[in-house]
C-alpha atoms as a PDB file:
ATOM      1  CA  MET A   1      -0.254   0.069   0.086  1.00  0.00           C
ATOM      2  CA  ASN A   2       1.492   3.853  -1.181  1.00  0.00           C
ATOM      3  CA  THR A   3       1.715   6.151   1.179  1.00  0.00           C
ATOM      4  CA  SER A   4      -1.432   8.455   0.399  1.00  0.00           C
ATOM      5  CA  LEU A   5      -3.152   5.275   0.438  1.00  0.00           C
ATOM      6  CA  LYS A   6      -2.543   4.798   4.142  1.00  0.00           C
ATOM      7  CA  ARG A   7      -2.888   8.311   4.827  1.00  0.00           C
ATOM      8  CA  PHE A   8      -6.876   7.638   3.917  1.00  0.00           C
ATOM      9  CA  ALA A   9      -6.902   4.309   5.284  1.00  0.00           C
ATOM     10  CA  LEU A  10      -5.939   5.425   8.860  1.00  0.00           C
ATOM     11  CA  PRO A  11      -8.723   7.738   9.674  1.00  0.00           C
ATOM     12  CA  GLY A  12     -11.451   5.331   8.557  1.00  0.00           C
ATOM     13  CA  LEU A  13      -9.470   2.675  10.978  1.00  0.00           C
ATOM     14  CA  ALA A  14      -9.840   5.456  14.074  1.00  0.00           C
ATOM     15  CA  LEU A  15     -13.593   6.318  13.232  1.00  0.00           C
ATOM     16  CA  LEU A  16     -14.490   2.332  12.527  1.00  0.00           C
ATOM     17  CA  LEU A  17     -12.886   1.576  15.905  1.00  0.00           C
ATOM     18  CA  ALA A  18     -14.468   4.999  17.577  1.00  0.00           C
ATOM     19  CA  LEU A  19     -18.112   3.704  16.545  1.00  0.00           C
ATOM     20  CA  SER A  20     -17.613   0.085  17.409  1.00  0.00           C
ATOM     21  CA  ALA A  21     -16.179   1.334  21.110  1.00  0.00           C
ATOM     22  CA  GLY A  22     -19.257   3.854  20.437  1.00  0.00           C
ATOM     23  CA  LEU A  23     -21.710   1.107  19.786  1.00  0.00           C
ATOM     24  CA  ALA A  24     -20.070  -1.365  22.459  1.00  0.00           C
ATOM     25  CA  TRP A  25     -21.013   1.732  24.761  1.00  0.00           C
ATOM     26  CA  LEU A  26     -24.169   1.884  23.983  1.00  0.00           C
ATOM     27  CA  SER A  27     -25.502  -1.724  24.402  1.00  0.00           C
ATOM     28  CA  LEU A  28     -23.591  -2.111  27.375  1.00  0.00           C
ATOM     29  CA  PRO A  29     -26.626  -1.109  29.624  1.00  0.00           C
ATOM     30  CA  ARG A  30     -28.340  -4.063  27.908  1.00  0.00           C
ATOM     31  CA  LEU A  31     -25.708  -6.104  27.998  1.00  0.00           C
ATOM     32  CA  GLN A  32     -25.678  -5.261  31.974  1.00  0.00           C
ATOM     33  CA  ALA A  33     -29.942  -5.532  32.225  1.00  0.00           C
ATOM     34  CA  LEU A  34     -29.403  -9.565  30.596  1.00  0.00           C
ATOM     35  CA  ARG A  35     -26.500  -9.906  33.193  1.00  0.00           C
ATOM     36  CA  ALA A  36     -28.364  -8.923  36.023  1.00  0.00           C
ATOM     37  CA  ASP A  37     -31.099 -10.841  34.352  1.00  0.00           C
ATOM     38  CA  ARG A  38     -29.334 -14.140  34.925  1.00  0.00           C
ATOM     39  CA  MET A  39     -28.235 -12.777  38.833  1.00  0.00           C
ATOM     40  CA  LEU A  40     -32.231 -12.368  39.647  1.00  0.00           C
ATOM     41  CA  SER A  41     -32.621 -15.668  38.188  1.00  0.00           C
ATOM     42  CA  ARG A  42     -30.561 -17.292  40.407  1.00  0.00           C
ATOM     43  CA  ALA A  43     -32.134 -15.199  43.461  1.00  0.00           C
ATOM     44  CA  ASN A  44     -35.109 -16.458  42.340  1.00  0.00           C
ATOM     45  CA  GLU A  45     -34.403 -19.671  42.493  1.00  0.00           C
ATOM     46  CA  ASP A  46     -33.164 -19.186  45.848  1.00  0.00           C
ATOM     47  CA  ILE A  47     -36.851 -17.615  46.537  1.00  0.00           C
ATOM     48  CA  ALA A  48     -38.761 -20.257  45.791  1.00  0.00           C
ATOM     49  CA  ALA A  49     -35.878 -23.003  47.632  1.00  0.00           C
ATOM     50  CA  ALA A  50     -36.803 -21.150  50.979  1.00  0.00           C
ATOM     51  CA  ASN A  51     -40.522 -20.745  50.134  1.00  0.00           C
ATOM     52  CA  GLN A  52     -40.433 -24.528  49.657  1.00  0.00           C
ATOM     53  CA  ALA A  53     -38.690 -24.953  52.486  1.00  0.00           C
ATOM     54  CA  LEU A  54     -41.657 -23.278  54.494  1.00  0.00           C
ATOM     55  CA  ALA A  55     -43.963 -24.766  52.583  1.00  0.00           C
ATOM     56  CA  ALA A  56     -45.358 -26.757  55.244  1.00  0.00           C
ATOM     57  CA  PHE A  57     -44.964 -24.430  57.812  1.00  0.00           C
ATOM     58  CA  ASP A  58     -47.907 -22.545  58.749  1.00  0.00           C
ATOM     59  CA  PRO A  59     -47.510 -18.975  59.938  1.00  0.00           C
ATOM     60  CA  SER A  60     -50.689 -19.187  62.034  1.00  0.00           C
ATOM     61  CA  ALA A  61     -48.651 -21.592  64.422  1.00  0.00           C
ATOM     62  CA  VAL A  62     -46.824 -18.558  65.505  1.00  0.00           C
ATOM     63  CA  SER A  63     -49.227 -17.968  68.692  1.00  0.00           C
ATOM     64  CA  PHE A  64     -50.813 -19.114  71.644  1.00  0.00           C
ATOM     65  CA  GLU A  65     -53.948 -20.386  70.174  1.00  0.00           C
ATOM     66  CA  SER A  66     -52.633 -23.950  70.881  1.00  0.00           C
ATOM     67  CA  PHE A  67     -52.578 -23.844  74.655  1.00  0.00           C
ATOM     68  CA  VAL A  68     -55.720 -24.767  75.565  1.00  0.00           C
ATOM     69  CA  SER A  69     -55.024 -28.434  76.018  1.00  0.00           C
ATOM     70  CA  VAL A  70     -52.775 -31.042  76.596  1.00  0.00           C
ATOM     71  CA  ASP A  71     -53.232 -32.809  73.522  1.00  0.00           C
ATOM     72  CA  SER A  72     -53.280 -29.539  71.380  1.00  0.00           C
ATOM     73  CA  ILE A  73     -50.425 -28.051  73.567  1.00  0.00           C
ATOM     74  CA  ARG A  74     -47.953 -31.519  72.881  1.00  0.00           C
ATOM     75  CA  LEU A  75     -48.810 -31.255  68.760  1.00  0.00           C
ATOM     76  CA  ALA A  76     -47.913 -27.475  68.324  1.00  0.00           C
ATOM     77  CA  GLY A  77     -44.816 -28.502  70.183  1.00  0.00           C
ATOM     78  CA  ALA A  78     -44.171 -30.897  68.052  1.00  0.00           C
ATOM     79  CA  ALA A  79     -44.244 -28.783  64.937  1.00  0.00           C
ATOM     80  CA  LEU A  80     -42.136 -25.815  66.361  1.00  0.00           C
ATOM     81  CA  GLU A  81     -39.287 -28.219  66.686  1.00  0.00           C
ATOM     82  CA  ASP A  82     -39.661 -29.420  63.340  1.00  0.00           C
ATOM     83  CA  SER A  83     -39.731 -26.113  61.975  1.00  0.00           C
ATOM     84  CA  LEU A  84     -36.710 -25.268  62.984  1.00  0.00           C
ATOM     85  CA  PRO A  85     -34.343 -27.180  60.209  1.00  0.00           C
ATOM     86  CA  ALA A  86     -36.638 -25.257  57.434  1.00  0.00           C
ATOM     87  CA  ILE A  87     -36.436 -22.079  59.163  1.00  0.00           C
ATOM     88  CA  ASP A  88     -32.866 -22.423  59.110  1.00  0.00           C
ATOM     89  CA  GLU A  89     -32.916 -23.791  55.545  1.00  0.00           C
ATOM     90  CA  ALA A  90     -35.104 -20.363  53.968  1.00  0.00           C
ATOM     91  CA  LEU A  91     -32.662 -18.035  56.294  1.00  0.00           C
ATOM     92  CA  ALA A  92     -29.734 -19.478  53.959  1.00  0.00           C
ATOM     93  CA  ARG A  93     -31.431 -19.409  50.682  1.00  0.00           C
ATOM     94  CA  VAL A  94     -32.637 -15.762  51.282  1.00  0.00           C
ATOM     95  CA  GLY A  95     -29.380 -14.568  52.721  1.00  0.00           C
ATOM     96  CA  SER A  96     -27.616 -16.081  48.789  1.00  0.00           C
ATOM     97  CA  ALA A  97     -30.675 -14.984  47.141  1.00  0.00           C
ATOM     98  CA  ALA A  98     -29.045 -11.312  48.572  1.00  0.00           C
ATOM     99  CA  GLU A  99     -26.189 -11.531  48.111  1.00  0.00           C
ATOM    100  CA  ALA A 100     -26.916 -12.508  43.791  1.00  0.00           C
ATOM    101  CA  VAL A 101     -29.430  -8.946  43.929  1.00  0.00           C
ATOM    102  CA  ASP A 102     -26.481  -6.728  45.757  1.00  0.00           C
ATOM    103  CA  GLU A 103     -23.854  -7.942  42.287  1.00  0.00           C
ATOM    104  CA  ALA A 104     -26.790  -7.210  40.229  1.00  0.00           C
ATOM    105  CA  ALA A 105     -26.946  -3.992  41.620  1.00  0.00           C
ATOM    106  CA  GLY A 106     -22.867  -3.810  41.766  1.00  0.00           C
ATOM    107  CA  LEU A 107     -22.873  -4.006  37.606  1.00  0.00           C
ATOM    108  CA  TYR A 108     -22.121  -0.660  35.503  1.00  0.00           C
ATOM    109  CA  ARG A 109     -24.433   0.544  33.917  1.00  0.00           C
ATOM    110  CA  LEU A 110     -27.966  -0.197  34.519  1.00  0.00           C
ATOM    111  CA  PRO A 111     -30.908   0.995  33.299  1.00  0.00           C
ATOM    112  CA  GLN A 112     -32.093   3.388  35.924  1.00  0.00           C
ATOM    113  CA  GLY A 113     -35.403   1.844  36.215  1.00  0.00           C
ATOM    114  CA  TYR A 114     -33.532  -1.535  36.308  1.00  0.00           C
ATOM    115  CA  LEU A 115     -31.290  -0.135  39.421  1.00  0.00           C
ATOM    116  CA  ASP A 116     -35.267   1.088  41.294  1.00  0.00           C
ATOM    117  CA  TYR A 117     -35.995  -2.517  40.788  1.00  0.00           C
ATOM    118  CA  LEU A 118     -33.010  -3.891  42.303  1.00  0.00           C
ATOM    119  CA  GLU A 119     -33.987  -1.474  45.367  1.00  0.00           C
ATOM    120  CA  ARG A 120     -36.830  -2.653  46.339  1.00  0.00           C
ATOM    121  CA  LYS A 121     -35.452  -6.714  45.589  1.00  0.00           C
ATOM    122  CA  ARG A 122     -32.623  -5.541  47.864  1.00  0.00           C
ATOM    123  CA  GLU A 123     -35.601  -3.831  50.328  1.00  0.00           C
ATOM    124  CA  ILE A 124     -37.415  -6.657  50.318  1.00  0.00           C
ATOM    125  CA  ALA A 125     -34.902  -9.406  50.915  1.00  0.00           C
ATOM    126  CA  GLY A 126     -33.815  -7.385  53.890  1.00  0.00           C
ATOM    127  CA  LEU A 127     -37.181  -7.411  55.236  1.00  0.00           C
ATOM    128  CA  ARG A 128     -37.304 -11.291  54.831  1.00  0.00           C
ATOM    129  CA  LEU A 129     -34.217 -11.955  56.476  1.00  0.00           C
ATOM    130  CA  GLU A 130     -35.494  -9.526  59.198  1.00  0.00           C
ATOM    131  CA  GLN A 131     -38.765 -11.301  59.230  1.00  0.00           C
ATOM    132  CA  LEU A 132     -37.140 -15.218  59.120  1.00  0.00           C
ATOM    133  CA  GLY A 133     -35.220 -13.983  62.226  1.00  0.00           C
ATOM    134  CA  GLU A 134     -37.476 -12.828  64.076  1.00  0.00           C
ATOM    135  CA  LEU A 135     -39.727 -16.095  63.412  1.00  0.00           C
ATOM    136  CA  LYS A 136     -36.837 -18.326  64.620  1.00  0.00           C
ATOM    137  CA  GLN A 137     -36.096 -16.032  67.851  1.00  0.00           C
ATOM    138  CA  THR A 138     -40.161 -16.329  68.265  1.00  0.00           C
ATOM    139  CA  VAL A 139     -40.648 -19.858  67.477  1.00  0.00           C
ATOM    140  CA  GLN A 140     -37.552 -21.057  70.100  1.00  0.00           C
ATOM    141  CA  GLU A 141     -39.634 -18.835  72.717  1.00  0.00           C
ATOM    142  CA  LEU A 142     -42.317 -20.325  72.431  1.00  0.00           C
ATOM    143  CA  ARG A 143     -41.023 -24.037  71.918  1.00  0.00           C
ATOM    144  CA  MET A 144     -40.004 -23.650  75.501  1.00  0.00           C
ATOM    145  CA  ILE A 145     -43.805 -23.024  76.611  1.00  0.00           C
ATOM    146  CA  TYR A 146     -45.251 -25.835  74.626  1.00  0.00           C
ATOM    147  CA  GLN A 147     -42.547 -28.469  75.382  1.00  0.00           C
ATOM    148  CA  ASP A 148     -42.798 -27.750  79.011  1.00  0.00           C
ATOM    149  CA  GLY A 149     -46.962 -26.700  78.427  1.00  0.00           C
ATOM    150  CA  ASP A 150     -48.554 -30.332  79.271  1.00  0.00           C
ATOM    151  CA  ILE A 151     -47.216 -29.529  83.200  1.00  0.00           C
ATOM    152  CA  ILE A 152     -47.588 -25.633  83.291  1.00  0.00           C
ATOM    153  CA  PHE A 153     -51.287 -25.570  81.742  1.00  0.00           C
ATOM    154  CA  THR A 154     -52.162 -29.303  83.654  1.00  0.00           C
ATOM    155  CA  ALA A 155     -50.227 -26.827  87.112  1.00  0.00           C
ATOM    156  CA  VAL A 156     -52.275 -23.512  86.456  1.00  0.00           C
ATOM    157  CA  GLU A 157     -55.591 -25.614  85.495  1.00  0.00           C
ATOM    158  CA  GLU A 158     -55.383 -27.565  89.236  1.00  0.00           C
ATOM    159  CA  MET A 159     -54.204 -24.345  91.433  1.00  0.00           C
ATOM    160  CA  ASP A 160     -57.178 -22.922  90.082  1.00  0.00           C
ATOM    161  CA  ARG A 161     -59.615 -25.845  91.320  1.00  0.00           C
ATOM    162  CA  LEU A 162     -57.337 -26.098  94.775  1.00  0.00           C
ATOM    163  CA  TRP A 163     -57.660 -22.075  95.224  1.00  0.00           C
ATOM    164  CA  GLY A 164     -61.061 -22.257  94.547  1.00  0.00           C
ATOM    165  CA  GLN A 165     -61.060 -25.049  97.739  1.00  0.00           C
ATOM    166  CA  VAL A 166     -59.507 -22.689 100.028  1.00  0.00           C
ATOM    167  CA  GLU A 167     -61.050 -19.870  99.330  1.00  0.00           C
ATOM    168  CA  TYR A 168     -64.748 -21.810  99.912  1.00  0.00           C
ATOM    169  CA  SER A 169     -63.064 -23.265 102.565  1.00  0.00           C
ATOM    170  CA  LEU A 170     -61.705 -20.217 104.523  1.00  0.00           C
ATOM    171  CA  GLN A 171     -65.628 -18.723 103.808  1.00  0.00           C
ATOM    172  CA  THR A 172     -67.093 -21.570 106.317  1.00  0.00           C
ATOM    173  CA  VAL A 173     -64.424 -21.337 108.817  1.00  0.00           C
ATOM    174  CA  GLN A 174     -66.706 -19.750 111.744  1.00  0.00           C
ATOM    175  CA  GLY A 175     -69.625 -22.001 111.111  1.00  0.00           C
ATOM    176  CA  ALA A 176     -67.774 -25.174 110.421  1.00  0.00           C
ATOM    177  CA  PRO A 177     -64.051 -25.347 111.237  1.00  0.00           C
ATOM    178  CA  ALA A 178     -63.389 -28.209 111.852  1.00  0.00           C
ATOM    179  CA  GLU A 179     -64.431 -29.144 108.023  1.00  0.00           C
ATOM    180  CA  SER A 180     -63.004 -26.155 106.904  1.00  0.00           C
ATOM    181  CA  GLY A 181     -59.479 -26.964 108.364  1.00  0.00           C
ATOM    182  CA  ALA A 182     -59.388 -30.669 107.471  1.00  0.00           C
ATOM    183  CA  ALA A 183     -60.021 -29.192 103.479  1.00  0.00           C
ATOM    184  CA  LEU A 184     -57.488 -26.544 103.921  1.00  0.00           C
ATOM    185  CA  ALA A 185     -55.124 -29.087 105.682  1.00  0.00           C
ATOM    186  CA  GLN A 186     -55.947 -31.285 102.291  1.00  0.00           C
ATOM    187  CA  ALA A 187     -55.599 -28.442  99.780  1.00  0.00           C
ATOM    188  CA  ALA A 188     -51.906 -28.212 101.045  1.00  0.00           C
ATOM    189  CA  VAL A 189     -51.290 -31.003 100.664  1.00  0.00           C
ATOM    190  CA  SER A 190     -52.289 -31.146  97.043  1.00  0.00           C
ATOM    191  CA  MET A 191     -50.675 -28.333  96.179  1.00  0.00           C
ATOM    192  CA  ARG A 192     -47.720 -29.406  97.535  1.00  0.00           C
ATOM    193  CA  GLN A 193     -47.752 -32.597  95.375  1.00  0.00           C
ATOM    194  CA  LEU A 194     -48.206 -31.045  92.678  1.00  0.00           C
ATOM    195  CA  LYS A 195     -45.013 -28.679  93.291  1.00  0.00           C
ATOM    196  CA  GLY A 196     -43.795 -31.718  93.454  1.00  0.00           C
ATOM    197  CA  GLN A 197     -44.346 -32.486  89.774  1.00  0.00           C
ATOM    198  CA  VAL A 198     -43.148 -29.096  88.839  1.00  0.00           C
ATOM    199  CA  ASP A 199     -40.259 -29.269  90.352  1.00  0.00           C
ATOM    200  CA  ALA A 200     -38.972 -32.504  88.187  1.00  0.00           C
ATOM    201  CA  ARG A 201     -39.680 -31.436  85.216  1.00  0.00           C
ATOM    202  CA  TYR A 202     -37.800 -28.126  86.474  1.00  0.00           C
ATOM    203  CA  GLN A 203     -35.111 -30.327  87.126  1.00  0.00           C
ATOM    204  CA  GLU A 204     -35.059 -32.267  83.663  1.00  0.00           C
ATOM    205  CA  SER A 205     -35.274 -29.138  81.008  1.00  0.00           C
ATOM    206  CA  GLY A 206     -34.521 -26.038  83.497  1.00  0.00           C
ATOM    207  CA  PHE A 207     -37.290 -23.829  82.014  1.00  0.00           C
ATOM    208  CA  PHE A 208     -36.865 -20.725  84.511  1.00  0.00           C
ATOM    209  CA  LEU A 209     -40.830 -20.453  84.354  1.00  0.00           C
ATOM    210  CA  LEU A 210     -41.553 -23.872  85.763  1.00  0.00           C
ATOM    211  CA  ALA A 211     -39.266 -22.472  89.040  1.00  0.00           C
ATOM    212  CA  SER A 212     -41.531 -19.514  89.008  1.00  0.00           C
ATOM    213  CA  LEU A 213     -45.090 -21.615  89.071  1.00  0.00           C
ATOM    214  CA  SER A 214     -42.848 -23.707  91.656  1.00  0.00           C
ATOM    215  CA  GLU A 215     -42.357 -20.914  94.152  1.00  0.00           C
ATOM    216  CA  SER A 216     -46.187 -19.709  93.262  1.00  0.00           C
ATOM    217  CA  ILE A 217     -47.891 -23.001  94.422  1.00  0.00           C
ATOM    218  CA  GLU A 218     -45.282 -22.820  97.246  1.00  0.00           C
ATOM    219  CA  GLU A 219     -46.687 -19.665  98.250  1.00  0.00           C
ATOM    220  CA  ASN A 220     -50.692 -20.377  97.970  1.00  0.00           C
ATOM    221  CA  ALA A 221     -49.566 -23.786  99.824  1.00  0.00           C
ATOM    222  CA  VAL A 222     -48.299 -21.478 102.912  1.00  0.00           C
ATOM    223  CA  LEU A 223     -51.357 -19.698 102.966  1.00  0.00           C
ATOM    224  CA  ALA A 224     -53.723 -22.639 102.806  1.00  0.00           C
ATOM    225  CA  ASP A 225     -51.500 -23.584 105.858  1.00  0.00           C
ATOM    226  CA  MET A 226     -52.164 -20.414 107.084  1.00  0.00           C
ATOM    227  CA  GLY A 227     -55.666 -20.651 107.019  1.00  0.00           C
ATOM    228  CA  LYS A 228     -55.457 -24.201 108.933  1.00  0.00           C
ATOM    229  CA  GLU A 229     -54.254 -22.753 111.358  1.00  0.00           C
ATOM    230  CA  LEU A 230     -57.404 -19.372 111.959  1.00  0.00           C
ATOM    231  CA  ALA A 231     -59.682 -22.771 111.284  1.00  0.00           C
ATOM    232  CA  ASP A 232     -58.247 -24.714 114.456  1.00  0.00           C
ATOM    233  CA  ALA A 233     -57.861 -21.584 116.578  1.00  0.00           C
ATOM    234  CA  VAL A 234     -62.161 -20.099 115.850  1.00  0.00           C
ATOM    235  CA  PHE A 235     -62.463 -24.192 116.479  1.00  0.00           C
ATOM    236  CA  ALA A 236     -60.311 -23.836 119.843  1.00  0.00           C
ATOM    237  CA  GLY A 237     -62.454 -21.288 120.649  1.00  0.00           C
ATOM    238  CA  ASP A 238     -59.168 -19.130 120.854  1.00  0.00           C
ATOM    239  CA  GLN A 239     -59.707 -15.682 119.859  1.00  0.00           C
ATOM    240  CA  ALA A 240     -56.478 -14.136 120.369  1.00  0.00           C
ATOM    241  CA  ARG A 241     -54.911 -17.099 118.655  1.00  0.00           C
ATOM    242  CA  ALA A 242     -57.547 -16.485 115.457  1.00  0.00           C
ATOM    243  CA  GLN A 243     -56.276 -12.764 115.530  1.00  0.00           C
ATOM    244  CA  GLN A 244     -52.500 -13.349 115.361  1.00  0.00           C
ATOM    245  CA  ALA A 245     -53.824 -15.860 112.316  1.00  0.00           C
ATOM    246  CA  ALA A 246     -55.882 -14.036 110.500  1.00  0.00           C
ATOM    247  CA  ALA A 247     -53.695 -10.988 110.668  1.00  0.00           C
ATOM    248  CA  ALA A 248     -50.795 -13.583 109.167  1.00  0.00           C
ATOM    249  CA  MET A 249     -52.890 -14.845 106.627  1.00  0.00           C
ATOM    250  CA  GLU A 250     -53.684 -11.013 105.216  1.00  0.00           C
ATOM    251  CA  ALA A 251     -49.936 -10.654 105.063  1.00  0.00           C
ATOM    252  CA  GLN A 252     -48.873 -13.692 103.434  1.00  0.00           C
ATOM    253  CA  LEU A 253     -51.435 -12.622 101.064  1.00  0.00           C
ATOM    254  CA  LEU A 254     -49.613  -9.821  99.550  1.00  0.00           C
ATOM    255  CA  ARG A 255     -46.989 -12.206  98.842  1.00  0.00           C
ATOM    256  CA  THR A 256     -48.547 -14.537  97.075  1.00  0.00           C
ATOM    257  CA  THR A 257     -49.063 -14.530  93.124  1.00  0.00           C
ATOM    258  CA  ASP A 258     -51.356 -15.947  91.204  1.00  0.00           C
ATOM    259  CA  THR A 259     -49.940 -19.182  89.566  1.00  0.00           C
ATOM    260  CA  SER A 260     -50.665 -18.444  86.132  1.00  0.00           C
ATOM    261  CA  SER A 261     -49.663 -13.804  86.549  1.00  0.00           C
ATOM    262  CA  SER A 262     -45.598 -15.112  85.569  1.00  0.00           C
ATOM    263  CA  ILE A 263     -46.769 -16.938  82.528  1.00  0.00           C
ATOM    264  CA  ASP A 264     -48.849 -14.480  81.435  1.00  0.00           C
ATOM    265  CA  ALA A 265     -46.607 -11.555  81.926  1.00  0.00           C
ATOM    266  CA  TRP A 266     -43.651 -14.007  80.288  1.00  0.00           C
ATOM    267  CA  ILE A 267     -46.246 -14.361  77.543  1.00  0.00           C
ATOM    268  CA  GLU A 268     -47.227 -10.299  77.210  1.00  0.00           C
ATOM    269  CA  PHE A 269     -43.627  -8.950  76.981  1.00  0.00           C
ATOM    270  CA  ARG A 270     -41.331 -11.483  75.951  1.00  0.00           C
ATOM    271  CA  LEU A 271     -43.287 -13.672  73.408  1.00  0.00           C
ATOM    272  CA  THR A 272     -46.197 -11.327  71.882  1.00  0.00           C
ATOM    273  CA  PRO A 273     -44.297  -8.521  70.595  1.00  0.00           C
ATOM    274  CA  GLY A 274     -41.959 -11.186  68.337  1.00  0.00           C
ATOM    275  CA  VAL A 275     -45.577 -12.721  67.186  1.00  0.00           C
ATOM    276  CA  ASP A 276     -47.174  -9.540  66.880  1.00  0.00           C
ATOM    277  CA  SER A 277     -43.466  -7.908  64.809  1.00  0.00           C
ATOM    278  CA  PHE A 278     -43.910 -11.448  62.628  1.00  0.00           C
ATOM    279  CA  HIS A 279     -47.125 -10.773  61.016  1.00  0.00           C
ATOM    280  CA  GLU A 280     -46.117  -7.092  60.556  1.00  0.00           C
ATOM    281  CA  LEU A 281     -43.061  -7.848  58.700  1.00  0.00           C
ATOM    282  CA  GLN A 282     -45.686 -10.214  56.442  1.00  0.00           C
ATOM    283  CA  GLY A 283     -48.164  -7.530  55.579  1.00  0.00           C
ATOM    284  CA  GLU A 284     -44.466  -4.541  54.820  1.00  0.00           C
ATOM    285  CA  GLN A 285     -43.065  -7.419  52.276  1.00  0.00           C
ATOM    286  CA  GLU A 286     -46.454  -8.374  50.506  1.00  0.00           C
ATOM    287  CA  GLU A 287     -46.430  -4.820  49.819  1.00  0.00           C
ATOM    288  CA  LEU A 288     -43.379  -4.782  48.679  1.00  0.00           C
ATOM    289  CA  ASP A 289     -43.774  -7.425  46.437  1.00  0.00           C
ATOM    290  CA  ARG A 290     -46.483  -5.629  44.723  1.00  0.00           C
ATOM    291  CA  GLU A 291     -44.174  -2.243  44.011  1.00  0.00           C
ATOM    292  CA  ALA A 292     -41.512  -4.520  42.781  1.00  0.00           C
ATOM    293  CA  ALA A 293     -44.068  -6.102  40.704  1.00  0.00           C
ATOM    294  CA  GLU A 294     -44.787  -3.371  39.273  1.00  0.00           C
ATOM    295  CA  LEU A 295     -40.654  -1.629  38.656  1.00  0.00           C
ATOM    296  CA  PHE A 296     -39.861  -5.258  37.387  1.00  0.00           C
ATOM    297  CA  ARG A 297     -42.093  -4.180  34.682  1.00  0.00           C
ATOM    298  CA  ASN A 298     -40.266  -1.148  33.923  1.00  0.00           C
ATOM    299  CA  ARG A 299     -36.698  -2.168  34.465  1.00  0.00           C
ATOM    300  CA  VAL A 300     -35.370  -1.291  31.611  1.00  0.00           C
END
């Protein structure tokens, strides 16, 4: 090639290269969107796997509705126990999906519509991870009360029955002190037998609510003992002793707790917030899913 031809060829080649580079630059957003699509496809597969892992888990199980009988408590406890591996798998899958979405969001020169869509997907993944973490913690807490729920439920029911006997016996002390004394003594014995069952379970599981329940039962048994002391004093006609027993009973009554109060307080302050948060996050996630579906249609 002679010198004059070279002079014309070189600028032409430079222009061609410039045009090719320009076309490649202009096509980059589309190519990046295709790459992002592949990453999102992987993320969606992980989300589908997470949903599959949780398919057998009923969100309504995250409640206290099953705490109504020993049989329902045992069934709910078993279901909660079985759900933990599924929740762990779902957490791992959603974590993997979140990584894929982050990777896609880091691609260069994505269309703004796609970036908006990915931002919403990141919010959804973060919310899902928060929800699953909340779910796992709440299930672990619920599992504790359900695994010992049979003895707790039985003890509370039995204490309600025994306390009814104590109240009735105290009301009849003046008219039938001997019978009232015998009934109060038997109530105290029954309470301590129940306490022994609770203590035995506490030695097995170590669930602190059982210790609180045991203390409450003993407080009520002591109150029954004092009731018997009052009945004995009335039966003996010893007014001074009766007044002393009545004053001691009044003081003990202030120290005596309802056997279900500590359980109710634990449920209200330890578990209810987690249950409520789980369901609130579920609603937020569903709203974000709807927004993401709209953004997906306008991503490119």
